[in-house]
Amino acid sequence: MCISAPELYDFLKHHTYRNIVFSSENQDDFRVKDPLSMSLEFSSILMSLNPSRIVLKGDCGTVTLKMVDSAEIECGSVLGDIVTVVCGYSSGSSRSRLKIILQ
């Protein structure tokens, strides 16, 4: 399901997750031959709408996704709820799609 940034904000507000995972291997553009692979686990996910950003926080540090425009949510997968966050301006050509797993 594709939702706007305010809808994602409401979704995150009404769901509780113990573990948030950002892994390079789960990204659409990941290639097995890439020399770097990373998997980071976070204990909390925060979102603001002005500015539109998502902050992942945990013992490993902080990751911030800026210019959040929309998201696609796949609930109930084997890994957990998969959220593909679309960052960038809706009229621009340089938009990023980043997947995070909510468990």
PDB file of N, CA and C in Angstrom:
ATOM      1  N   MET A   1       0.837  -1.166   0.000  1.00  0.00           N
ATOM      2  CA  MET A   1       0.000   0.000   0.000  1.00  0.00           C
ATOM      3  C   MET A   1       0.886   1.235   0.000  1.00  0.00           C
ATOM      4  N   CYS A   2       0.631   2.184  -0.869  1.00  0.00           N
ATOM      5  CA  CYS A   2       1.396   3.423  -0.979  1.00  0.00           C
ATOM      6  C   CYS A   2       0.690   4.512  -0.167  1.00  0.00           C
ATOM      7  N   ILE A   3       1.456   5.189   0.693  1.00  0.00           N
ATOM      8  CA  ILE A   3       0.869   6.217   1.551  1.00  0.00           C
ATOM      9  C   ILE A   3       1.740   7.465   1.545  1.00  0.00           C
ATOM     10  N   SER A   4       1.133   8.582   1.915  1.00  0.00           N
ATOM     11  CA  SER A   4       1.845   9.857   1.984  1.00  0.00           C
ATOM     12  C   SER A   4       2.641   9.937   3.285  1.00  0.00           C
ATOM     13  N   ALA A   5       3.488  10.943   3.403  1.00  0.00           N
ATOM     14  CA  ALA A   5       4.281  11.140   4.617  1.00  0.00           C
ATOM     15  C   ALA A   5       3.386  11.332   5.849  1.00  0.00           C
ATOM     16  N   PRO A   6       2.312  12.148   5.790  1.00  0.00           N
ATOM     17  CA  PRO A   6       1.442  12.264   6.962  1.00  0.00           C
ATOM     18  C   PRO A   6       0.764  10.935   7.334  1.00  0.00           C
ATOM     19  N   GLU A   7       0.425  10.133   6.337  1.00  0.00           N
ATOM     20  CA  GLU A   7      -0.171   8.825   6.622  1.00  0.00           C
ATOM     21  C   GLU A   7       0.855   7.887   7.263  1.00  0.00           C
ATOM     22  N   LEU A   8       2.104   7.956   6.826  1.00  0.00           N
ATOM     23  CA  LEU A   8       3.164   7.164   7.436  1.00  0.00           C
ATOM     24  C   LEU A   8       3.364   7.593   8.885  1.00  0.00           C
ATOM     25  N   TYR A   9       3.326   8.874   9.138  1.00  0.00           N
ATOM     26  CA  TYR A   9       3.442   9.417  10.495  1.00  0.00           C
ATOM     27  C   TYR A   9       2.358   8.804  11.387  1.00  0.00           C
ATOM     28  N   ASP A  10       1.116   8.790  10.916  1.00  0.00           N
ATOM     29  CA  ASP A  10       0.010   8.200  11.681  1.00  0.00           C
ATOM     30  C   ASP A  10       0.213   6.702  11.881  1.00  0.00           C
ATOM     31  N   PHE A  11       0.669   6.005  10.852  1.00  0.00           N
ATOM     32  CA  PHE A  11       0.925   4.567  10.945  1.00  0.00           C
ATOM     33  C   PHE A  11       1.947   4.281  12.046  1.00  0.00           C
ATOM     34  N   LEU A  12       3.051   5.015  12.039  1.00  0.00           N
ATOM     35  CA  LEU A  12       4.108   4.793  13.022  1.00  0.00           C
ATOM     36  C   LEU A  12       3.650   5.165  14.429  1.00  0.00           C
ATOM     37  N   LYS A  13       2.766   6.148  14.528  1.00  0.00           N
ATOM     38  CA  LYS A  13       2.247   6.582  15.817  1.00  0.00           C
ATOM     39  C   LYS A  13       1.371   5.507  16.460  1.00  0.00           C
ATOM     40  N   HIS A  14       0.697   4.710  15.645  1.00  0.00           N
ATOM     41  CA  HIS A  14      -0.253   3.720  16.148  1.00  0.00           C
ATOM     42  C   HIS A  14       0.303   2.292  16.184  1.00  0.00           C
ATOM     43  N   HIS A  15       1.553   2.104  15.832  1.00  0.00           N
ATOM     44  CA  HIS A  15       2.175   0.780  15.867  1.00  0.00           C
ATOM     45  C   HIS A  15       3.447   0.845  16.704  1.00  0.00           C
ATOM     46  N   THR A  16       3.699  -0.198  17.458  1.00  0.00           N
ATOM     47  CA  THR A  16       4.887  -0.264  18.305  1.00  0.00           C
ATOM     48  C   THR A  16       5.798  -1.382  17.801  1.00  0.00           C
ATOM     49  N   TYR A  17       7.069  -1.054  17.664  1.00  0.00           N
ATOM     50  CA  TYR A  17       8.059  -2.025  17.197  1.00  0.00           C
ATOM     51  C   TYR A  17       9.218  -2.057  18.175  1.00  0.00           C
ATOM     52  N   ARG A  18       9.749  -3.252  18.439  1.00  0.00           N
ATOM     53  CA  ARG A  18      10.885  -3.408  19.343  1.00  0.00           C
ATOM     54  C   ARG A  18      12.217  -3.279  18.613  1.00  0.00           C
ATOM     55  N   ASN A  19      12.204  -3.600  17.327  1.00  0.00           N
ATOM     56  CA  ASN A  19      13.449  -3.664  16.578  1.00  0.00           C
ATOM     57  C   ASN A  19      13.229  -3.083  15.185  1.00  0.00           C
ATOM     58  N   ILE A  20      14.117  -2.199  14.765  1.00  0.00           N
ATOM     59  CA  ILE A  20      14.071  -1.606  13.430  1.00  0.00           C
ATOM     60  C   ILE A  20      15.400  -1.945  12.760  1.00  0.00           C
ATOM     61  N   VAL A  21      15.337  -2.499  11.549  1.00  0.00           N
ATOM     62  CA  VAL A  21      16.547  -2.956  10.859  1.00  0.00           C
ATOM     63  C   VAL A  21      16.720  -2.194   9.547  1.00  0.00           C
ATOM     64  N   PHE A  22      17.920  -1.684   9.340  1.00  0.00           N
ATOM     65  CA  PHE A  22      18.310  -1.111   8.058  1.00  0.00           C
ATOM     66  C   PHE A  22      19.473  -1.952   7.555  1.00  0.00           C
ATOM     67  N   SER A  23      19.277  -2.629   6.450  1.00  0.00           N
ATOM     68  CA  SER A  23      20.313  -3.506   5.900  1.00  0.00           C
ATOM     69  C   SER A  23      20.557  -3.156   4.437  1.00  0.00           C
ATOM     70  N   SER A  24      21.821  -3.062   4.078  1.00  0.00           N
ATOM     71  CA  SER A  24      22.149  -2.764   2.678  1.00  0.00           C
ATOM     72  C   SER A  24      21.675  -3.900   1.768  1.00  0.00           C
ATOM     73  N   GLU A  25      21.642  -5.108   2.274  1.00  0.00           N
ATOM     74  CA  GLU A  25      21.246  -6.257   1.459  1.00  0.00           C
ATOM     75  C   GLU A  25      19.752  -6.278   1.138  1.00  0.00           C
ATOM     76  N   ASN A  26      18.959  -5.507   1.851  1.00  0.00           N
ATOM     77  CA  ASN A  26      17.518  -5.434   1.580  1.00  0.00           C
ATOM     78  C   ASN A  26      17.152  -4.332   0.592  1.00  0.00           C
ATOM     79  N   GLN A  27      18.134  -3.551   0.164  1.00  0.00           N
ATOM     80  CA  GLN A  27      17.859  -2.437  -0.743  1.00  0.00           C
ATOM     81  C   GLN A  27      17.741  -2.933  -2.188  1.00  0.00           C
ATOM     82  N   ASP A  28      16.903  -2.258  -2.958  1.00  0.00           N
ATOM     83  CA  ASP A  28      16.672  -2.657  -4.353  1.00  0.00           C
ATOM     84  C   ASP A  28      17.947  -2.623  -5.194  1.00  0.00           C
ATOM     85  N   ASP A  29      18.838  -1.687  -4.906  1.00  0.00           N
ATOM     86  CA  ASP A  29      20.041  -1.541  -5.733  1.00  0.00           C
ATOM     87  C   ASP A  29      21.255  -2.306  -5.191  1.00  0.00           C
ATOM     88  N   PHE A  30      21.043  -3.174  -4.202  1.00  0.00           N
ATOM     89  CA  PHE A  30      22.159  -3.951  -3.658  1.00  0.00           C
ATOM     90  C   PHE A  30      22.636  -4.978  -4.671  1.00  0.00           C
ATOM     91  N   ARG A  31      23.950  -5.075  -4.816  1.00  0.00           N
ATOM     92  CA  ARG A  31      24.560  -6.082  -5.693  1.00  0.00           C
ATOM     93  C   ARG A  31      25.468  -6.956  -4.844  1.00  0.00           C
ATOM     94  N   VAL A  32      25.407  -8.239  -5.045  1.00  0.00           N
ATOM     95  CA  VAL A  32      26.203  -9.188  -4.265  1.00  0.00           C
ATOM     96  C   VAL A  32      27.689  -8.868  -4.355  1.00  0.00           C
ATOM     97  N   LYS A  33      28.131  -8.360  -5.488  1.00  0.00           N
ATOM     98  CA  LYS A  33      29.563  -8.081  -5.662  1.00  0.00           C
ATOM     99  C   LYS A  33      30.015  -6.779  -4.980  1.00  0.00           C
ATOM    100  N   ASP A  34      29.080  -6.006  -4.400  1.00  0.00           N
ATOM    101  CA  ASP A  34      29.470  -4.789  -3.692  1.00  0.00           C
ATOM    102  C   ASP A  34      30.415  -5.132  -2.541  1.00  0.00           C
ATOM    103  N   PRO A  35      31.464  -4.340  -2.341  1.00  0.00           N
ATOM    104  CA  PRO A  35      32.436  -4.662  -1.301  1.00  0.00           C
ATOM    105  C   PRO A  35      31.957  -4.345   0.117  1.00  0.00           C
ATOM    106  N   LEU A  36      30.886  -3.590   0.250  1.00  0.00           N
ATOM    107  CA  LEU A  36      30.416  -3.200   1.570  1.00  0.00           C
ATOM    108  C   LEU A  36      29.002  -3.710   1.789  1.00  0.00           C
ATOM    109  N   SER A  37      28.801  -4.319   2.925  1.00  0.00           N
ATOM    110  CA  SER A  37      27.486  -4.780   3.328  1.00  0.00           C
ATOM    111  C   SER A  37      27.310  -4.375   4.783  1.00  0.00           C
ATOM    112  N   MET A  38      26.143  -3.837   5.131  1.00  0.00           N
ATOM    113  CA  MET A  38      25.939  -3.447   6.518  1.00  0.00           C
ATOM    114  C   MET A  38      24.524  -3.771   6.952  1.00  0.00           C
ATOM    115  N   SER A  39      24.410  -4.056   8.217  1.00  0.00           N
ATOM    116  CA  SER A  39      23.111  -4.286   8.823  1.00  0.00           C
ATOM    117  C   SER A  39      23.120  -3.588  10.171  1.00  0.00           C
ATOM    118  N   LEU A  40      22.206  -2.646  10.353  1.00  0.00           N
ATOM    119  CA  LEU A  40      22.140  -1.872  11.584  1.00  0.00           C
ATOM    120  C   LEU A  40      20.789  -2.114  12.242  1.00  0.00           C
ATOM    121  N   GLU A  41      20.797  -2.301  13.562  1.00  0.00           N
ATOM    122  CA  GLU A  41      19.567  -2.496  14.308  1.00  0.00           C
ATOM    123  C   GLU A  41      19.357  -1.325  15.252  1.00  0.00           C
ATOM    124  N   PHE A  42      18.129  -0.844  15.279  1.00  0.00           N
ATOM    125  CA  PHE A  42      17.772   0.303  16.097  1.00  0.00           C
ATOM    126  C   PHE A  42      16.629  -0.061  17.030  1.00  0.00           C
ATOM    127  N   SER A  43      16.520   0.674  18.133  1.00  0.00           N
ATOM    128  CA  SER A  43      15.470   0.395  19.106  1.00  0.00           C
ATOM    129  C   SER A  43      14.287   1.352  18.982  1.00  0.00           C
ATOM    130  N   SER A  44      14.455   2.458  18.261  1.00  0.00           N
ATOM    131  CA  SER A  44      13.328   3.388  18.123  1.00  0.00           C
ATOM    132  C   SER A  44      13.326   4.060  16.754  1.00  0.00           C
ATOM    133  N   ILE A  45      12.120   4.417  16.334  1.00  0.00           N
ATOM    134  CA  ILE A  45      11.925   5.133  15.079  1.00  0.00           C
ATOM    135  C   ILE A  45      11.064   6.357  15.388  1.00  0.00           C
ATOM    136  N   LEU A  46      11.547   7.515  14.976  1.00  0.00           N
ATOM    137  CA  LEU A  46      10.839   8.771  15.208  1.00  0.00           C
ATOM    138  C   LEU A  46      10.613   9.445  13.860  1.00  0.00           C
ATOM    139  N   MET A  47       9.485  10.109  13.730  1.00  0.00           N
ATOM    140  CA  MET A  47       9.216  10.811  12.479  1.00  0.00           C
ATOM    141  C   MET A  47       8.660  12.191  12.785  1.00  0.00           C
ATOM    142  N   SER A  48       9.104  13.170  12.005  1.00  0.00           N
ATOM    143  CA  SER A  48       8.545  14.517  12.083  1.00  0.00           C
ATOM    144  C   SER A  48       8.060  14.892  10.685  1.00  0.00           C
ATOM    145  N   LEU A  49       7.106  15.811  10.643  1.00  0.00           N
ATOM    146  CA  LEU A  49       6.553  16.214   9.346  1.00  0.00           C
ATOM    147  C   LEU A  49       7.097  17.543   8.856  1.00  0.00           C
ATOM    148  N   ASN A  50       7.622  18.363   9.749  1.00  0.00           N
ATOM    149  CA  ASN A  50       8.147  19.651   9.323  1.00  0.00           C
ATOM    150  C   ASN A  50       9.434  19.922  10.083  1.00  0.00           C
ATOM    151  N   PRO A  51      10.599  19.566   9.593  1.00  0.00           N
ATOM    152  CA  PRO A  51      10.825  18.977   8.275  1.00  0.00           C
ATOM    153  C   PRO A  51      10.444  17.497   8.257  1.00  0.00           C
ATOM    154  N   SER A  52      10.193  17.014   7.079  1.00  0.00           N
ATOM    155  CA  SER A  52       9.751  15.634   6.902  1.00  0.00           C
ATOM    156  C   SER A  52      10.961  14.702   6.936  1.00  0.00           C
ATOM    157  N   ARG A  53      11.116  14.009   8.077  1.00  0.00           N
ATOM    158  CA  ARG A  53      12.266  13.133   8.237  1.00  0.00           C
ATOM    159  C   ARG A  53      11.944  11.995   9.182  1.00  0.00           C
ATOM    160  N   ILE A  54      12.709  10.928   9.037  1.00  0.00           N
ATOM    161  CA  ILE A  54      12.619   9.772   9.917  1.00  0.00           C
ATOM    162  C   ILE A  54      13.982   9.605  10.572  1.00  0.00           C
ATOM    163  N   VAL A  55      13.974   9.399  11.883  1.00  0.00           N
ATOM    164  CA  VAL A  55      15.208   9.196  12.631  1.00  0.00           C
ATOM    165  C   VAL A  55      15.158   7.815  13.264  1.00  0.00           C
ATOM    166  N   LEU A  56      16.184   7.016  12.979  1.00  0.00           N
ATOM    167  CA  LEU A  56      16.340   5.697  13.579  1.00  0.00           C
ATOM    168  C   LEU A  56      17.422   5.825  14.648  1.00  0.00           C
ATOM    169  N   LYS A  57      17.100   5.419  15.894  1.00  0.00           N
ATOM    170  CA  LYS A  57      18.049   5.567  16.995  1.00  0.00           C
ATOM    171  C   LYS A  57      18.284   4.228  17.681  1.00  0.00           C
ATOM    172  N   GLY A  58      19.528   4.017  18.080  1.00  0.00           N
ATOM    173  CA  GLY A  58      19.880   2.800  18.795  1.00  0.00           C
ATOM    174  C   GLY A  58      21.282   2.879  19.334  1.00  0.00           C
ATOM    175  N   ASP A  59      21.739   1.768  19.918  1.00  0.00           N
ATOM    176  CA  ASP A  59      23.090   1.713  20.476  1.00  0.00           C
ATOM    177  C   ASP A  59      24.162   1.918  19.413  1.00  0.00           C
ATOM    178  N   CYS A  60      23.841   1.566  18.162  1.00  0.00           N
ATOM    179  CA  CYS A  60      24.822   1.704  17.079  1.00  0.00           C
ATOM    180  C   CYS A  60      24.937   3.137  16.573  1.00  0.00           C
ATOM    181  N   GLY A  61      24.036   4.020  17.004  1.00  0.00           N
ATOM    182  CA  GLY A  61      24.068   5.408  16.563  1.00  0.00           C
ATOM    183  C   GLY A  61      22.726   5.845  16.020  1.00  0.00           C
ATOM    184  N   THR A  62      22.764   6.798  15.115  1.00  0.00           N
ATOM    185  CA  THR A  62      21.555   7.402  14.563  1.00  0.00           C
ATOM    186  C   THR A  62      21.656   7.470  13.045  1.00  0.00           C
ATOM    187  N   VAL A  63      20.548   7.158  12.371  1.00  0.00           N
ATOM    188  CA  VAL A  63      20.433   7.333  10.928  1.00  0.00           C
ATOM    189  C   VAL A  63      19.229   8.220  10.679  1.00  0.00           C
ATOM    190  N   THR A  64      19.389   9.240   9.839  1.00  0.00           N
ATOM    191  CA  THR A  64      18.293  10.144   9.513  1.00  0.00           C
ATOM    192  C   THR A  64      17.972  10.048   8.031  1.00  0.00           C
ATOM    193  N   LEU A  65      16.711   9.803   7.725  1.00  0.00           N
ATOM    194  CA  LEU A  65      16.212   9.825   6.344  1.00  0.00           C
ATOM    195  C   LEU A  65      15.516  11.162   6.159  1.00  0.00           C
ATOM    196  N   LYS A  66      16.045  11.998   5.276  1.00  0.00           N
ATOM    197  CA  LYS A  66      15.509  13.348   5.079  1.00  0.00           C
ATOM    198  C   LYS A  66      14.604  13.410   3.861  1.00  0.00           C
ATOM    199  N   MET A  67      13.815  14.460   3.778  1.00  0.00           N
ATOM    200  CA  MET A  67      12.916  14.740   2.652  1.00  0.00           C
ATOM    201  C   MET A  67      11.981  13.565   2.377  1.00  0.00           C
ATOM    202  N   VAL A  68      11.380  13.008   3.442  1.00  0.00           N
ATOM    203  CA  VAL A  68      10.460  11.883   3.287  1.00  0.00           C
ATOM    204  C   VAL A  68       9.217  12.364   2.553  1.00  0.00           C
ATOM    205  N   ASP A  69       8.918  11.731   1.435  1.00  0.00           N
ATOM    206  CA  ASP A  69       7.778  12.131   0.605  1.00  0.00           C
ATOM    207  C   ASP A  69       6.612  11.163   0.737  1.00  0.00           C
ATOM    208  N   SER A  70       6.902   9.867   0.719  1.00  0.00           N
ATOM    209  CA  SER A  70       5.850   8.860   0.778  1.00  0.00           C
ATOM    210  C   SER A  70       6.475   7.532   1.190  1.00  0.00           C
ATOM    211  N   ALA A  71       5.639   6.497   1.264  1.00  0.00           N
ATOM    212  CA  ALA A  71       6.146   5.180   1.643  1.00  0.00           C
ATOM    213  C   ALA A  71       5.228   4.101   1.104  1.00  0.00           C
ATOM    214  N   GLU A  72       5.798   2.922   0.982  1.00  0.00           N
ATOM    215  CA  GLU A  72       5.028   1.727   0.658  1.00  0.00           C
ATOM    216  C   GLU A  72       5.202   0.779   1.825  1.00  0.00           C
ATOM    217  N   ILE A  73       4.107   0.197   2.298  1.00  0.00           N
ATOM    218  CA  ILE A  73       4.164  -0.687   3.460  1.00  0.00           C
ATOM    219  C   ILE A  73       3.683  -2.076   3.077  1.00  0.00           C
ATOM    220  N   GLU A  74       4.484  -3.062   3.442  1.00  0.00           N
ATOM    221  CA  GLU A  74       4.110  -4.465   3.272  1.00  0.00           C
ATOM    222  C   GLU A  74       4.075  -5.075   4.673  1.00  0.00           C
ATOM    223  N   CYS A  75       2.882  -5.285   5.183  1.00  0.00           N
ATOM    224  CA  CYS A  75       2.728  -5.805   6.545  1.00  0.00           C
ATOM    225  C   CYS A  75       2.733  -7.332   6.553  1.00  0.00           C
ATOM    226  N   GLY A  76       3.292  -7.884   7.615  1.00  0.00           N
ATOM    227  CA  GLY A  76       3.204  -9.319   7.844  1.00  0.00           C
ATOM    228  C   GLY A  76       4.145 -10.193   7.042  1.00  0.00           C
ATOM    229  N   SER A  77       5.249  -9.654   6.534  1.00  0.00           N
ATOM    230  CA  SER A  77       6.206 -10.519   5.836  1.00  0.00           C
ATOM    231  C   SER A  77       6.963 -11.359   6.866  1.00  0.00           C
ATOM    232  N   VAL A  78       7.725 -12.327   6.419  1.00  0.00           N
ATOM    233  CA  VAL A  78       8.494 -13.184   7.308  1.00  0.00           C
ATOM    234  C   VAL A  78       9.492 -12.361   8.125  1.00  0.00           C
ATOM    235  N   LEU A  79      10.039 -11.311   7.515  1.00  0.00           N
ATOM    236  CA  LEU A  79      11.020 -10.466   8.192  1.00  0.00           C
ATOM    237  C   LEU A  79      10.382  -9.495   9.180  1.00  0.00           C
ATOM    238  N   GLY A  80       9.130  -9.141   8.970  1.00  0.00           N
ATOM    239  CA  GLY A  80       8.424  -8.124   9.743  1.00  0.00           C
ATOM    240  C   GLY A  80       7.683  -7.226   8.776  1.00  0.00           C
ATOM    241  N   ASP A  81       7.296  -6.049   9.224  1.00  0.00           N
ATOM    242  CA  ASP A  81       6.665  -5.076   8.334  1.00  0.00           C
ATOM    243  C   ASP A  81       7.767  -4.361   7.553  1.00  0.00           C
ATOM    244  N   ILE A  82       7.674  -4.398   6.235  1.00  0.00           N
ATOM    245  CA  ILE A  82       8.694  -3.767   5.393  1.00  0.00           C
ATOM    246  C   ILE A  82       8.163  -2.420   4.918  1.00  0.00           C
ATOM    247  N   VAL A  83       8.899  -1.374   5.219  1.00  0.00           N
ATOM    248  CA  VAL A  83       8.524  -0.018   4.813  1.00  0.00           C
ATOM    249  C   VAL A  83       9.570   0.480   3.824  1.00  0.00           C
ATOM    250  N   THR A  84       9.121   0.785   2.617  1.00  0.00           N
ATOM    251  CA  THR A  84       9.996   1.395   1.615  1.00  0.00           C
ATOM    252  C   THR A  84       9.728   2.894   1.649  1.00  0.00           C
ATOM    253  N   VAL A  85      10.688   3.644   2.141  1.00  0.00           N
ATOM    254  CA  VAL A  85      10.545   5.090   2.303  1.00  0.00           C
ATOM    255  C   VAL A  85      11.057   5.766   1.042  1.00  0.00           C
ATOM    256  N   VAL A  86      10.235   6.640   0.466  1.00  0.00           N
ATOM    257  CA  VAL A  86      10.623   7.399  -0.719  1.00  0.00           C
ATOM    258  C   VAL A  86      11.035   8.791  -0.263  1.00  0.00           C
ATOM    259  N   CYS A  87      12.296   9.135  -0.509  1.00  0.00           N
ATOM    260  CA  CYS A  87      12.838  10.432  -0.098  1.00  0.00           C
ATOM    261  C   CYS A  87      13.171  11.258  -1.332  1.00  0.00           C
ATOM    262  N   GLY A  88      12.968  12.553  -1.212  1.00  0.00           N
ATOM    263  CA  GLY A  88      13.247  13.474  -2.317  1.00  0.00           C
ATOM    264  C   GLY A  88      11.987  14.217  -2.684  1.00  0.00           C
ATOM    265  N   TYR A  89      12.141  15.200  -3.504  1.00  0.00           N
ATOM    266  CA  TYR A  89      10.997  16.009  -3.918  1.00  0.00           C
ATOM    267  C   TYR A  89      10.205  15.273  -4.987  1.00  0.00           C
ATOM    268  N   SER A  90       8.888  15.314  -4.883  1.00  0.00           N
ATOM    269  CA  SER A  90       8.036  14.557  -5.804  1.00  0.00           C
ATOM    270  C   SER A  90       8.206  14.990  -7.255  1.00  0.00           C
ATOM    271  N   SER A  91       8.633  16.223  -7.483  1.00  0.00           N
ATOM    272  CA  SER A  91       8.822  16.686  -8.856  1.00  0.00           C
ATOM    273  C   SER A  91      10.246  16.444  -9.364  1.00  0.00           C
ATOM    274  N   GLY A  92      11.137  16.024  -8.468  1.00  0.00           N
ATOM    275  CA  GLY A  92      12.537  15.841  -8.853  1.00  0.00           C
ATOM    276  C   GLY A  92      12.826  14.450  -9.374  1.00  0.00           C
ATOM    277  N   SER A  93      13.934  14.334 -10.056  1.00  0.00           N
ATOM    278  CA  SER A  93      14.310  13.048 -10.635  1.00  0.00           C
ATOM    279  C   SER A  93      15.217  12.236  -9.703  1.00  0.00           C
ATOM    280  N   SER A  94      15.803  12.883  -8.713  1.00  0.00           N
ATOM    281  CA  SER A  94      16.732  12.174  -7.832  1.00  0.00           C
ATOM    282  C   SER A  94      16.031  11.774  -6.527  1.00  0.00           C
ATOM    283  N   ARG A  95      15.198  10.764  -6.635  1.00  0.00           N
ATOM    284  CA  ARG A  95      14.482  10.258  -5.462  1.00  0.00           C
ATOM    285  C   ARG A  95      15.117   8.947  -5.033  1.00  0.00           C
ATOM    286  N   SER A  96      15.206   8.755  -3.739  1.00  0.00           N
ATOM    287  CA  SER A  96      15.788   7.534  -3.183  1.00  0.00           C
ATOM    288  C   SER A  96      14.690   6.690  -2.562  1.00  0.00           C
ATOM    289  N   ARG A  97      14.833   5.386  -2.692  1.00  0.00           N
ATOM    290  CA  ARG A  97      13.914   4.426  -2.079  1.00  0.00           C
ATOM    291  C   ARG A  97      14.732   3.580  -1.109  1.00  0.00           C
ATOM    292  N   LEU A  98      14.416   3.692   0.172  1.00  0.00           N
ATOM    293  CA  LEU A  98      15.167   2.999   1.218  1.00  0.00           C
ATOM    294  C   LEU A  98      14.227   2.110   2.010  1.00  0.00           C
ATOM    295  N   LYS A  99      14.630   0.850   2.179  1.00  0.00           N
ATOM    296  CA  LYS A  99      13.783  -0.106   2.901  1.00  0.00           C
ATOM    297  C   LYS A  99      14.255  -0.256   4.337  1.00  0.00           C
ATOM    298  N   ILE A 100      13.298  -0.226   5.248  1.00  0.00           N
ATOM    299  CA  ILE A 100      13.563  -0.539   6.645  1.00  0.00           C
ATOM    300  C   ILE A 100      12.586  -1.623   7.072  1.00  0.00           C
ATOM    301  N   ILE A 101      13.030  -2.456   7.988  1.00  0.00           N
ATOM    302  CA  ILE A 101      12.196  -3.556   8.467  1.00  0.00           C
ATOM    303  C   ILE A 101      11.824  -3.270   9.919  1.00  0.00           C
ATOM    304  N   LEU A 102      10.538  -3.318  10.177  1.00  0.00           N
ATOM    305  CA  LEU A 102      10.024  -3.059  11.515  1.00  0.00           C
ATOM    306  C   LEU A 102       9.570  -4.373  12.133  1.00  0.00           C
ATOM    307  N   GLN A 103      10.118  -4.693  13.298  1.00  0.00           N
ATOM    308  CA  GLN A 103       9.788  -5.958  13.961  1.00  0.00           C
ATOM    309  C   GLN A 103       9.238  -5.715  15.358  1.00  0.00           C
TER     310      GLN A 103
END
